[in-house]
Structures are given as C-alpha cells and as structure tokens.
Amino acid sequence: MASEPASKRFYPIGEPGQPWGDAENAQWRARQRKQRSYADDVLTVVERLRPRLEVVQYAELDYAPDRYPLFALRSRDWNDQWPTMLVTGGVHGYETSGVHGALRFAERHAADYAGRANLVIVPCVSPWGYERIHRWDPYALDPNRNFIANSPAPEPAALMQFVAPLREHVLMHIDLHETTDTDESEFRPALAARDGTAFIPGTIPDGFYLCGDTENPQPAFQQAIIAAVARVTHIAPADPDGTIIGSPMVAPGVIEYPLVKWGLCAGITSARYRTTTEVYPDSPRATPAQCNLAQAAAACAAIDFALAHA
C-alpha cells in the first residue's frame, strides 16, 4: 500500500498510520538540541542548598556523550517517627516550573518543616529532557507513563529504585507538572506519529489544575491545594463539556487519573495523599515567576494538610 502523501502528514517524522521503528526514533533524537544547562540551572542550586539539606546522588544517566547525575534533597534532621513528604519535579523536563518550583520550595520553605516531617525533594527527574525542552527521554519514551515494574525508561526506573525503601512510609507525594501550548503543537502530534495513530486536536486549560487519584481521591486534600494556589494564580475552569483536558472535572480545578494503572509518578508510593499539579505557563494571566510560586505554594499546602490530618 502506498504511503499517504506528505500533505496529509501532521508530523515531520514517519508515515501516517505507521508506528515508528528504530530509524524514526533515531531521526527524532537527531533533531533534539540542547537549549539550556542542567548543570547551570539545577545543579548549582542543589549545591547551594547542601549546607541546609542532605544531597543524595541516587543515580546517573549515561546518554553519551552526556552524563547526568540525578540528585535528591533530604532533611538533615531525619527521624523515622516523623511522616515523610515527597516532592518531585521535572518528570517531564520541558515543564520548567516543575523543576524550578521544586527548587524554590527547597530554598524558601523546607526549613519550615524541620522537626515535623522528613522531606525528600527530587527537583529534576529528567535532565536530558530539561536541556532539550522535551517531554520524552532519548528513546522517545514518556517517563510519566513508565513508572512501572521493569520500566524501559531509565529516569522512572532510577527514581523508583531510590524511593523503594521509603514506599510504605511516604504520607504525601506531590508531583509538579505543567500543561503548555506545545503539548498541542508538538508533543501530542509527536505521540500520535510515534504510535501510528490519528492526531485529534484538543484544548489547553487556561490555569492551574490538579490530577488526583481515581482510586484514592482525597477531595479535601485536593481542595486545600487549590485554595492555596488560587491566592497565587488563577484556577482552570472546565471546558463547556465539563471536562479539563478531556477528563471530567470532579471539583473546582480537579480531575482524576488512575495513577498506578497509568504508570504515573504520583503513584510510586503508598502515600495516603498524592496528586499531580498542572500550571499553565503560556497564559497571558501568568508569569514564569507566578508559576514557580504556584508550584511551591501547592507543595506547602499539600504538606500542611497532610500534617494536620496525619
């Protein structure tokens, strides 16, 4: 069967209706270019925090010619009697405020929980994607669909191995993300091309929202975060059909996903309280600084609620 003409293509790699193979994956990877520095933007802040927080290198990614050490920040006054709170960012490297919001939380707010909680902050799970401002890893895999046993993606595999000893002790896990205009212009078309499926245009929510856990929704926890973030930036309204990004809005600014079933980062522990943030950095009503503030505010509200209801 002849391939469809180029005019029907919605992505420059591959043929419509045909999943990518090794050649297409290699072609996609060759198009990616470094646009910023993980060492300059992230590791310098991690080093600056070393006097206040324990710095733990939990893995290193070898993506020749580049190597990326992966770091977590932990409370220095760790006490097994205290609840453990996990904050993760940069699972999708292109979601900038996920990384810088986690670092802001570590710099500005971690000390507020000394003597009350054990903190684990992983600011940049996917540094290769951070440098290239991309959702995927070098193998064209989405880390946030691969938090699964025997994960084919090195980033989630490394984080799960690091977190495994804490899995049953984490009370709260908040995973910091963004929904951007490039989701619609680049990443969803790339996903459809990679998988050989049709690209169906969607919408991008204008504002902050949360993805709770279908199996453990904790609505009061989700609403406490929404209330805190609403003081920093606007909350996304539902689309006319009552959904946000295609999922029913179950409360103002909240949708739900089956976190474990879908292999999402927020499902990697047995935490009673868990959620995924989504800010909208491309809104004319928000600035990058607001987005970072919103992520840090969400983390604080999540920990405060968990402590109050432990």
C-alpha atoms as a PDB file:
ATOM      1  CA  MET A   1       0.000   0.000   0.000  1.00  0.00           C
ATOM      2  CA  ALA A   2       1.366   3.401  -0.929  1.00  0.00           C
ATOM      3  CA  SER A   3       2.035   5.784   1.911  1.00  0.00           C
ATOM      4  CA  GLU A   4      -0.127   8.849   2.374  1.00  0.00           C
ATOM      5  CA  PRO A   5       1.148  11.995   0.653  1.00  0.00           C
ATOM      6  CA  ALA A   6       3.291  14.352   2.690  1.00  0.00           C
ATOM      7  CA  SER A   7       0.461  16.900   2.637  1.00  0.00           C
ATOM      8  CA  LYS A   8      -1.516  14.638   4.986  1.00  0.00           C
ATOM      9  CA  ARG A   9       1.296  14.351   7.482  1.00  0.00           C
ATOM     10  CA  PHE A  10       0.859  16.127  10.806  1.00  0.00           C
ATOM     11  CA  TYR A  11       4.436  15.440  11.996  1.00  0.00           C
ATOM     12  CA  PRO A  12       7.705  15.552  10.042  1.00  0.00           C
ATOM     13  CA  ILE A  13       8.889  12.062  11.062  1.00  0.00           C
ATOM     14  CA  GLY A  14       7.396   8.770   9.944  1.00  0.00           C
ATOM     15  CA  GLU A  15       4.457   7.852   7.761  1.00  0.00           C
ATOM     16  CA  PRO A  16       0.862   8.435   8.878  1.00  0.00           C
ATOM     17  CA  GLY A  17      -0.649   5.312  10.383  1.00  0.00           C
ATOM     18  CA  GLN A  18       2.690   3.514  10.818  1.00  0.00           C
ATOM     19  CA  PRO A  19       4.336   3.298  14.259  1.00  0.00           C
ATOM     20  CA  TRP A  20       7.937   4.379  14.460  1.00  0.00           C
ATOM     21  CA  GLY A  21      10.768   1.915  14.328  1.00  0.00           C
ATOM     22  CA  ASP A  22      14.426   2.335  15.208  1.00  0.00           C
ATOM     23  CA  ALA A  23      15.107   4.561  12.203  1.00  0.00           C
ATOM     24  CA  GLU A  24      12.343   7.011  13.075  1.00  0.00           C
ATOM     25  CA  ASN A  25      13.369   7.067  16.731  1.00  0.00           C
ATOM     26  CA  ALA A  26      16.937   7.874  15.681  1.00  0.00           C
ATOM     27  CA  GLN A  27      15.701  10.566  13.312  1.00  0.00           C
ATOM     28  CA  TRP A  28      13.649  12.119  16.107  1.00  0.00           C
ATOM     29  CA  ARG A  29      16.567  12.067  18.541  1.00  0.00           C
ATOM     30  CA  ALA A  30      18.895  13.676  15.975  1.00  0.00           C
ATOM     31  CA  ARG A  31      16.516  16.653  15.802  1.00  0.00           C
ATOM     32  CA  GLN A  32      16.818  17.405  19.524  1.00  0.00           C
ATOM     33  CA  ARG A  33      19.193  20.178  20.564  1.00  0.00           C
ATOM     34  CA  LYS A  34      20.390  21.410  23.929  1.00  0.00           C
ATOM     35  CA  GLN A  35      18.722  24.700  24.737  1.00  0.00           C
ATOM     36  CA  ARG A  36      19.681  25.159  28.400  1.00  0.00           C
ATOM     37  CA  SER A  37      22.003  23.711  31.007  1.00  0.00           C
ATOM     38  CA  TYR A  38      21.017  21.261  33.729  1.00  0.00           C
ATOM     39  CA  ALA A  39      24.360  21.915  35.433  1.00  0.00           C
ATOM     40  CA  ASP A  40      23.900  25.685  35.455  1.00  0.00           C
ATOM     41  CA  ASP A  41      20.189  25.837  36.221  1.00  0.00           C
ATOM     42  CA  VAL A  42      19.705  22.910  38.602  1.00  0.00           C
ATOM     43  CA  LEU A  43      22.957  21.547  39.982  1.00  0.00           C
ATOM     44  CA  THR A  44      24.222  24.952  41.073  1.00  0.00           C
ATOM     45  CA  VAL A  45      21.082  25.405  43.186  1.00  0.00           C
ATOM     46  CA  VAL A  46      21.401  21.892  44.592  1.00  0.00           C
ATOM     47  CA  GLU A  47      24.976  22.663  45.656  1.00  0.00           C
ATOM     48  CA  ARG A  48      23.882  25.929  47.223  1.00  0.00           C
ATOM     49  CA  LEU A  49      21.409  24.000  49.359  1.00  0.00           C
ATOM     50  CA  ARG A  50      23.963  21.468  50.601  1.00  0.00           C
ATOM     51  CA  PRO A  51      24.526  23.235  53.958  1.00  0.00           C
ATOM     52  CA  ARG A  52      20.790  23.065  54.712  1.00  0.00           C
ATOM     53  CA  LEU A  53      19.676  19.793  53.152  1.00  0.00           C
ATOM     54  CA  GLU A  54      21.359  16.435  52.626  1.00  0.00           C
ATOM     55  CA  VAL A  55      22.252  15.999  48.963  1.00  0.00           C
ATOM     56  CA  VAL A  56      21.928  12.416  47.734  1.00  0.00           C
ATOM     57  CA  GLN A  57      23.014  11.250  44.295  1.00  0.00           C
ATOM     58  CA  TYR A  58      20.661   8.378  43.601  1.00  0.00           C
ATOM     59  CA  ALA A  59      21.701   7.502  40.026  1.00  0.00           C
ATOM     60  CA  GLU A  60      23.484   8.702  36.899  1.00  0.00           C
ATOM     61  CA  LEU A  61      22.170   8.626  33.350  1.00  0.00           C
ATOM     62  CA  ASP A  62      24.643   7.781  30.603  1.00  0.00           C
ATOM     63  CA  TYR A  63      23.379   9.351  27.398  1.00  0.00           C
ATOM     64  CA  ALA A  64      26.647   9.547  25.507  1.00  0.00           C
ATOM     65  CA  PRO A  65      28.271  11.945  25.067  1.00  0.00           C
ATOM     66  CA  ASP A  66      26.365  13.373  28.062  1.00  0.00           C
ATOM     67  CA  ARG A  67      26.146  12.070  31.604  1.00  0.00           C
ATOM     68  CA  TYR A  68      23.577  13.308  34.086  1.00  0.00           C
ATOM     69  CA  PRO A  69      23.914  12.755  37.845  1.00  0.00           C
ATOM     70  CA  LEU A  70      20.487  12.560  39.487  1.00  0.00           C
ATOM     71  CA  PHE A  71      20.082  14.180  42.891  1.00  0.00           C
ATOM     72  CA  ALA A  72      17.573  14.293  45.700  1.00  0.00           C
ATOM     73  CA  LEU A  73      17.477  16.645  48.674  1.00  0.00           C
ATOM     74  CA  ARG A  74      16.626  15.209  52.081  1.00  0.00           C
ATOM     75  CA  SER A  75      16.003  16.611  55.552  1.00  0.00           C
ATOM     76  CA  ARG A  76      19.197  16.600  57.611  1.00  0.00           C
ATOM     77  CA  ASP A  77      17.263  16.015  60.840  1.00  0.00           C
ATOM     78  CA  TRP A  78      15.650  12.806  59.562  1.00  0.00           C
ATOM     79  CA  ASN A  79      13.542  10.995  62.141  1.00  0.00           C
ATOM     80  CA  ASP A  80      11.797   7.712  61.397  1.00  0.00           C
ATOM     81  CA  GLN A  81       8.997   8.727  63.761  1.00  0.00           C
ATOM     82  CA  TRP A  82       8.009  11.659  61.557  1.00  0.00           C
ATOM     83  CA  PRO A  83       5.896  11.402  58.380  1.00  0.00           C
ATOM     84  CA  THR A  84       7.765  11.551  55.067  1.00  0.00           C
ATOM     85  CA  MET A  85       6.758  14.024  52.348  1.00  0.00           C
ATOM     86  CA  LEU A  86       7.904  13.522  48.744  1.00  0.00           C
ATOM     87  CA  VAL A  87       8.093  16.384  46.230  1.00  0.00           C
ATOM     88  CA  THR A  88       9.103  15.553  42.657  1.00  0.00           C
ATOM     89  CA  GLY A  89       9.614  17.815  39.649  1.00  0.00           C
ATOM     90  CA  GLY A  90      10.925  17.640  36.118  1.00  0.00           C
ATOM     91  CA  VAL A  91       9.490  14.227  35.286  1.00  0.00           C
ATOM     92  CA  HIS A  92       8.748  15.977  32.013  1.00  0.00           C
ATOM     93  CA  GLY A  93      11.890  18.003  31.502  1.00  0.00           C
ATOM     94  CA  TYR A  94      10.267  20.689  29.386  1.00  0.00           C
ATOM     95  CA  GLU A  95       7.846  21.633  32.189  1.00  0.00           C
ATOM     96  CA  THR A  96      10.065  24.340  33.602  1.00  0.00           C
ATOM     97  CA  SER A  97       8.202  25.343  36.743  1.00  0.00           C
ATOM     98  CA  GLY A  98       8.079  21.718  37.863  1.00  0.00           C
ATOM     99  CA  VAL A  99      11.857  21.905  38.226  1.00  0.00           C
ATOM    100  CA  HIS A 100      12.189  25.468  39.482  1.00  0.00           C
ATOM    101  CA  GLY A 101       9.093  25.247  41.671  1.00  0.00           C
ATOM    102  CA  ALA A 102      10.614  22.250  43.455  1.00  0.00           C
ATOM    103  CA  LEU A 103      13.887  24.124  43.895  1.00  0.00           C
ATOM    104  CA  ARG A 104      12.061  27.204  45.164  1.00  0.00           C
ATOM    105  CA  PHE A 105      10.212  25.060  47.690  1.00  0.00           C
ATOM    106  CA  ALA A 106      13.519  23.584  48.846  1.00  0.00           C
ATOM    107  CA  GLU A 107      15.163  27.017  49.143  1.00  0.00           C
ATOM    108  CA  ARG A 108      12.323  29.007  50.676  1.00  0.00           C
ATOM    109  CA  HIS A 109      10.133  26.540  52.592  1.00  0.00           C
ATOM    110  CA  ALA A 110      11.916  23.309  53.500  1.00  0.00           C
ATOM    111  CA  ALA A 111      13.174  24.780  56.774  1.00  0.00           C
ATOM    112  CA  ASP A 112       9.568  25.423  57.854  1.00  0.00           C
ATOM    113  CA  TYR A 113       9.073  21.677  58.339  1.00  0.00           C
ATOM    114  CA  ALA A 114      12.164  20.980  60.422  1.00  0.00           C
ATOM    115  CA  GLY A 115      11.274  18.865  63.426  1.00  0.00           C
ATOM    116  CA  ARG A 116       7.881  17.929  61.976  1.00  0.00           C
ATOM    117  CA  ALA A 117       8.400  15.998  58.762  1.00  0.00           C
ATOM    118  CA  ASN A 118      11.014  14.227  56.688  1.00  0.00           C
ATOM    119  CA  LEU A 119      11.320  15.872  53.279  1.00  0.00           C
ATOM    120  CA  VAL A 120      12.531  14.237  50.075  1.00  0.00           C
ATOM    121  CA  ILE A 121      12.727  16.650  47.131  1.00  0.00           C
ATOM    122  CA  VAL A 122      13.707  15.411  43.669  1.00  0.00           C
ATOM    123  CA  PRO A 123      13.822  18.568  41.542  1.00  0.00           C
ATOM    124  CA  CYS A 124      14.688  17.204  38.085  1.00  0.00           C
ATOM    125  CA  VAL A 125      13.877  13.596  37.276  1.00  0.00           C
ATOM    126  CA  SER A 126      14.582  14.030  33.538  1.00  0.00           C
ATOM    127  CA  PRO A 127      17.612  16.271  32.913  1.00  0.00           C
ATOM    128  CA  TRP A 128      18.081  15.216  29.268  1.00  0.00           C
ATOM    129  CA  GLY A 129      14.535  16.408  28.578  1.00  0.00           C
ATOM    130  CA  TYR A 130      15.125  19.532  30.653  1.00  0.00           C
ATOM    131  CA  GLU A 131      18.072  20.574  28.494  1.00  0.00           C
ATOM    132  CA  ARG A 132      16.217  19.912  25.255  1.00  0.00           C
ATOM    133  CA  ILE A 133      12.868  21.252  26.487  1.00  0.00           C
ATOM    134  CA  HIS A 134      11.180  17.989  25.628  1.00  0.00           C
ATOM    135  CA  ARG A 135       8.647  15.681  27.197  1.00  0.00           C
ATOM    136  CA  TRP A 136      10.354  12.421  26.271  1.00  0.00           C
ATOM    137  CA  ASP A 137      13.667  10.758  27.077  1.00  0.00           C
ATOM    138  CA  PRO A 138      16.241   9.952  24.347  1.00  0.00           C
ATOM    139  CA  TYR A 139      14.381   6.739  23.493  1.00  0.00           C
ATOM    140  CA  ALA A 140      11.195   8.676  22.642  1.00  0.00           C
ATOM    141  CA  LEU A 141       9.592   7.322  25.824  1.00  0.00           C
ATOM    142  CA  ASP A 142       7.383   9.382  28.096  1.00  0.00           C
ATOM    143  CA  PRO A 143       8.770   8.973  31.623  1.00  0.00           C
ATOM    144  CA  ASN A 144       5.351   9.697  33.118  1.00  0.00           C
ATOM    145  CA  ARG A 145       3.793   6.619  31.562  1.00  0.00           C
ATOM    146  CA  ASN A 146       6.633   4.349  32.575  1.00  0.00           C
ATOM    147  CA  PHE A 147       6.636   4.260  36.364  1.00  0.00           C
ATOM    148  CA  ILE A 148       6.074   0.520  36.117  1.00  0.00           C
ATOM    149  CA  ALA A 149       7.877  -2.685  37.011  1.00  0.00           C
ATOM    150  CA  ASN A 150      10.850  -3.322  34.723  1.00  0.00           C
ATOM    151  CA  SER A 151      10.451   0.148  33.275  1.00  0.00           C
ATOM    152  CA  PRO A 152      12.062   0.597  29.844  1.00  0.00           C
ATOM    153  CA  ALA A 153      12.752   4.262  30.685  1.00  0.00           C
ATOM    154  CA  PRO A 154      15.858   4.915  32.814  1.00  0.00           C
ATOM    155  CA  GLU A 155      14.500   8.005  34.577  1.00  0.00           C
ATOM    156  CA  PRO A 156      11.467   6.381  36.245  1.00  0.00           C
ATOM    157  CA  ALA A 157      13.433   3.201  36.878  1.00  0.00           C
ATOM    158  CA  ALA A 158      16.071   5.170  38.806  1.00  0.00           C
ATOM    159  CA  LEU A 159      13.526   7.129  40.831  1.00  0.00           C
ATOM    160  CA  MET A 160      11.505   4.049  41.744  1.00  0.00           C
ATOM    161  CA  GLN A 161      14.627   2.254  42.926  1.00  0.00           C
ATOM    162  CA  PHE A 162      15.580   5.256  45.057  1.00  0.00           C
ATOM    163  CA  VAL A 163      12.118   5.623  46.580  1.00  0.00           C
ATOM    164  CA  ALA A 164      11.503   1.891  47.130  1.00  0.00           C
ATOM    165  CA  PRO A 165      12.811   1.806  50.744  1.00  0.00           C
ATOM    166  CA  LEU A 166      10.502   4.715  51.603  1.00  0.00           C
ATOM    167  CA  ARG A 167       7.479   3.480  49.693  1.00  0.00           C
ATOM    168  CA  GLU A 168       5.379   2.458  52.696  1.00  0.00           C
ATOM    169  CA  HIS A 169       6.448   5.448  54.800  1.00  0.00           C
ATOM    170  CA  VAL A 170       5.530   8.337  52.499  1.00  0.00           C
ATOM    171  CA  LEU A 171       2.417  10.135  53.731  1.00  0.00           C
ATOM    172  CA  MET A 172       2.220  12.692  50.905  1.00  0.00           C
ATOM    173  CA  HIS A 173       3.591  12.829  47.359  1.00  0.00           C
ATOM    174  CA  ILE A 174       3.087  15.833  45.100  1.00  0.00           C
ATOM    175  CA  ASP A 175       4.445  15.709  41.542  1.00  0.00           C
ATOM    176  CA  LEU A 176       4.917  19.096  39.860  1.00  0.00           C
ATOM    177  CA  HIS A 177       3.952  19.493  36.187  1.00  0.00           C
ATOM    178  CA  GLU A 178       2.835  21.995  33.558  1.00  0.00           C
ATOM    179  CA  THR A 179       0.406  21.867  30.642  1.00  0.00           C
ATOM    180  CA  THR A 180       1.810  24.032  27.847  1.00  0.00           C
ATOM    181  CA  ASP A 181       0.771  25.217  24.404  1.00  0.00           C
ATOM    182  CA  THR A 182       3.486  22.963  22.975  1.00  0.00           C
ATOM    183  CA  ASP A 183       1.531  19.964  24.261  1.00  0.00           C
ATOM    184  CA  GLU A 184      -0.840  20.668  21.408  1.00  0.00           C
ATOM    185  CA  SER A 185       1.633  21.951  18.811  1.00  0.00           C
ATOM    186  CA  GLU A 186       4.433  19.400  19.331  1.00  0.00           C
ATOM    187  CA  PHE A 187       4.017  16.661  21.887  1.00  0.00           C
ATOM    188  CA  ARG A 188       0.575  15.283  21.099  1.00  0.00           C
ATOM    189  CA  PRO A 189       1.306  15.250  17.360  1.00  0.00           C
ATOM    190  CA  ALA A 190       4.642  13.536  18.083  1.00  0.00           C
ATOM    191  CA  LEU A 191       2.900  10.934  20.241  1.00  0.00           C
ATOM    192  CA  ALA A 192       0.344  10.170  17.556  1.00  0.00           C
ATOM    193  CA  ALA A 193       3.075   9.922  14.906  1.00  0.00           C
ATOM    194  CA  ARG A 194       5.223   7.661  17.105  1.00  0.00           C
ATOM    195  CA  ASP A 195       2.324   5.314  17.780  1.00  0.00           C
ATOM    196  CA  GLY A 196       0.894   5.374  14.252  1.00  0.00           C
ATOM    197  CA  THR A 197      -2.450   6.792  15.358  1.00  0.00           C
ATOM    198  CA  ALA A 198      -4.529   9.737  14.237  1.00  0.00           C
ATOM    199  CA  PHE A 199      -3.824  13.131  15.756  1.00  0.00           C
ATOM    200  CA  ILE A 200      -7.021  14.538  17.242  1.00  0.00           C
ATOM    201  CA  PRO A 201      -6.659  18.207  18.225  1.00  0.00           C
ATOM    202  CA  GLY A 202      -7.550  19.088  21.794  1.00  0.00           C
ATOM    203  CA  THR A 203      -7.582  22.082  24.100  1.00  0.00           C
ATOM    204  CA  ILE A 204      -5.156  23.501  26.652  1.00  0.00           C
ATOM    205  CA  PRO A 205      -6.648  24.552  30.022  1.00  0.00           C
ATOM    206  CA  ASP A 206      -6.036  28.176  30.949  1.00  0.00           C
ATOM    207  CA  GLY A 207      -4.954  27.954  34.556  1.00  0.00           C
ATOM    208  CA  PHE A 208      -3.809  25.688  37.354  1.00  0.00           C
ATOM    209  CA  TYR A 209      -5.429  22.314  37.979  1.00  0.00           C
ATOM    210  CA  LEU A 210      -4.730  19.048  39.787  1.00  0.00           C
ATOM    211  CA  CYS A 211      -4.836  15.394  38.804  1.00  0.00           C
ATOM    212  CA  GLY A 212      -5.901  13.374  41.826  1.00  0.00           C
ATOM    213  CA  ASP A 213      -6.015   9.594  42.136  1.00  0.00           C
ATOM    214  CA  THR A 214      -9.142   7.836  40.899  1.00  0.00           C
ATOM    215  CA  GLU A 215      -8.543   5.015  43.399  1.00  0.00           C
ATOM    216  CA  ASN A 216      -7.850   7.340  46.349  1.00  0.00           C
ATOM    217  CA  PRO A 217      -9.238  10.778  45.525  1.00  0.00           C
ATOM    218  CA  GLN A 218      -8.874  12.609  48.889  1.00  0.00           C
ATOM    219  CA  PRO A 219     -11.088  15.549  47.813  1.00  0.00           C
ATOM    220  CA  ALA A 220     -10.418  17.710  50.885  1.00  0.00           C
ATOM    221  CA  PHE A 221      -6.674  17.407  50.273  1.00  0.00           C
ATOM    222  CA  GLN A 222      -7.051  18.416  46.628  1.00  0.00           C
ATOM    223  CA  GLN A 223      -9.247  21.404  47.509  1.00  0.00           C
ATOM    224  CA  ALA A 224      -6.795  22.624  50.142  1.00  0.00           C
ATOM    225  CA  ILE A 225      -4.136  22.842  47.440  1.00  0.00           C
ATOM    226  CA  ILE A 226      -6.494  24.578  45.009  1.00  0.00           C
ATOM    227  CA  ALA A 227      -7.404  27.155  47.664  1.00  0.00           C
ATOM    228  CA  ALA A 228      -3.739  27.907  48.377  1.00  0.00           C
ATOM    229  CA  VAL A 229      -2.761  28.203  44.720  1.00  0.00           C
ATOM    230  CA  ALA A 230      -5.767  30.424  43.943  1.00  0.00           C
ATOM    231  CA  ARG A 231      -4.038  33.103  46.020  1.00  0.00           C
ATOM    232  CA  VAL A 232      -1.085  32.972  43.597  1.00  0.00           C
ATOM    233  CA  THR A 233      -2.546  32.308  40.157  1.00  0.00           C
ATOM    234  CA  HIS A 234      -5.872  31.502  38.529  1.00  0.00           C
ATOM    235  CA  ILE A 235      -7.513  28.086  38.562  1.00  0.00           C
ATOM    236  CA  ALA A 236      -8.501  26.485  35.252  1.00  0.00           C
ATOM    237  CA  PRO A 237     -12.219  26.401  34.513  1.00  0.00           C
ATOM    238  CA  ALA A 238     -13.856  23.387  32.918  1.00  0.00           C
ATOM    239  CA  ASP A 239     -14.415  23.255  29.184  1.00  0.00           C
ATOM    240  CA  PRO A 240     -18.046  23.609  28.043  1.00  0.00           C
ATOM    241  CA  ASP A 241     -18.457  19.830  28.264  1.00  0.00           C
ATOM    242  CA  GLY A 242     -17.477  19.844  31.956  1.00  0.00           C
ATOM    243  CA  THR A 243     -14.016  18.408  31.405  1.00  0.00           C
ATOM    244  CA  ILE A 244     -10.434  19.551  31.778  1.00  0.00           C
ATOM    245  CA  ILE A 245      -8.114  18.106  29.144  1.00  0.00           C
ATOM    246  CA  GLY A 246     -10.822  15.559  28.326  1.00  0.00           C
ATOM    247  CA  SER A 247     -11.379  14.274  31.878  1.00  0.00           C
ATOM    248  CA  PRO A 248     -14.451  15.130  33.969  1.00  0.00           C
ATOM    249  CA  MET A 249     -13.864  17.903  36.496  1.00  0.00           C
ATOM    250  CA  VAL A 250     -14.815  16.319  39.828  1.00  0.00           C
ATOM    251  CA  ALA A 251     -14.366  19.539  41.847  1.00  0.00           C
ATOM    252  CA  PRO A 252     -13.151  23.055  41.028  1.00  0.00           C
ATOM    253  CA  GLY A 253      -9.764  22.649  39.358  1.00  0.00           C
ATOM    254  CA  VAL A 254      -9.561  18.896  39.951  1.00  0.00           C
ATOM    255  CA  ILE A 255      -9.648  15.889  37.640  1.00  0.00           C
ATOM    256  CA  GLU A 256      -8.642  12.317  38.448  1.00  0.00           C
ATOM    257  CA  TYR A 257      -6.457   9.683  36.810  1.00  0.00           C
ATOM    258  CA  PRO A 258      -5.738   6.077  37.832  1.00  0.00           C
ATOM    259  CA  LEU A 259      -2.192   6.932  38.876  1.00  0.00           C
ATOM    260  CA  VAL A 260      -0.818   3.429  39.368  1.00  0.00           C
ATOM    261  CA  LYS A 261      -2.578   1.842  36.401  1.00  0.00           C
ATOM    262  CA  TRP A 262      -1.285   4.539  34.055  1.00  0.00           C
ATOM    263  CA  GLY A 263       2.280   4.347  35.368  1.00  0.00           C
ATOM    264  CA  LEU A 264       2.339   7.936  36.619  1.00  0.00           C
ATOM    265  CA  CYS A 265       4.951   9.284  39.002  1.00  0.00           C
ATOM    266  CA  ALA A 266       2.472  10.278  41.719  1.00  0.00           C
ATOM    267  CA  GLY A 267       1.558   6.601  42.110  1.00  0.00           C
ATOM    268  CA  ILE A 268       5.001   5.247  43.041  1.00  0.00           C
ATOM    269  CA  THR A 269       4.422   5.173  46.810  1.00  0.00           C
ATOM    270  CA  SER A 270       1.647   4.096  49.146  1.00  0.00           C
ATOM    271  CA  ALA A 271       1.070   7.716  50.165  1.00  0.00           C
ATOM    272  CA  ARG A 272      -2.382   8.457  51.558  1.00  0.00           C
ATOM    273  CA  TYR A 273      -2.240  11.891  49.940  1.00  0.00           C
ATOM    274  CA  ARG A 274      -0.994  12.192  46.364  1.00  0.00           C
ATOM    275  CA  THR A 275      -1.584  14.487  43.451  1.00  0.00           C
ATOM    276  CA  THR A 276      -0.098  15.957  40.281  1.00  0.00           C
ATOM    277  CA  THR A 277      -0.036  19.700  39.703  1.00  0.00           C
ATOM    278  CA  GLU A 278      -0.523  21.314  36.315  1.00  0.00           C
ATOM    279  CA  VAL A 279       0.197  25.001  35.762  1.00  0.00           C
ATOM    280  CA  TYR A 280      -0.244  26.893  32.501  1.00  0.00           C
ATOM    281  CA  PRO A 281       2.876  28.986  31.818  1.00  0.00           C
ATOM    282  CA  ASP A 282       1.635  30.234  28.433  1.00  0.00           C
ATOM    283  CA  SER A 283      -1.376  32.051  29.865  1.00  0.00           C
ATOM    284  CA  PRO A 284      -1.396  35.836  29.376  1.00  0.00           C
ATOM    285  CA  ARG A 285      -2.537  35.930  33.010  1.00  0.00           C
ATOM    286  CA  ALA A 286       0.552  34.182  34.436  1.00  0.00           C
ATOM    287  CA  THR A 287       4.296  34.785  34.516  1.00  0.00           C
ATOM    288  CA  PRO A 288       7.133  32.265  34.953  1.00  0.00           C
ATOM    289  CA  ALA A 289       7.639  33.615  38.470  1.00  0.00           C
ATOM    290  CA  GLN A 290       3.960  33.058  39.271  1.00  0.00           C
ATOM    291  CA  CYS A 291       4.199  29.506  38.004  1.00  0.00           C
ATOM    292  CA  ASN A 292       7.148  28.781  40.281  1.00  0.00           C
ATOM    293  CA  LEU A 293       5.295  30.380  43.186  1.00  0.00           C
ATOM    294  CA  ALA A 294       2.210  28.300  42.429  1.00  0.00           C
ATOM    295  CA  GLN A 295       4.214  25.071  42.486  1.00  0.00           C
ATOM    296  CA  ALA A 296       5.854  25.953  45.797  1.00  0.00           C
ATOM    297  CA  ALA A 297       2.510  27.029  47.269  1.00  0.00           C
ATOM    298  CA  ALA A 298       0.987  23.733  46.177  1.00  0.00           C
ATOM    299  CA  ALA A 299       3.778  21.769  47.854  1.00  0.00           C
ATOM    300  CA  CYS A 300       3.386  23.734  51.105  1.00  0.00           C
ATOM    301  CA  ALA A 301      -0.387  23.328  51.131  1.00  0.00           C
ATOM    302  CA  ALA A 302      -0.080  19.604  50.450  1.00  0.00           C
ATOM    303  CA  ILE A 303       2.375  19.092  53.321  1.00  0.00           C
ATOM    304  CA  ASP A 304       0.380  21.313  55.679  1.00  0.00           C
ATOM    305  CA  PHE A 305      -2.796  19.348  55.020  1.00  0.00           C
ATOM    306  CA  ALA A 306      -1.064  16.008  55.418  1.00  0.00           C
ATOM    307  CA  LEU A 307       0.477  17.067  58.717  1.00  0.00           C
ATOM    308  CA  ALA A 308      -2.825  18.383  60.007  1.00  0.00           C
ATOM    309  CA  HIS A 309      -4.597  15.129  59.149  1.00  0.00           C
ATOM    310  CA  ALA A 310      -1.841  12.599  59.881  1.00  0.00           C
END
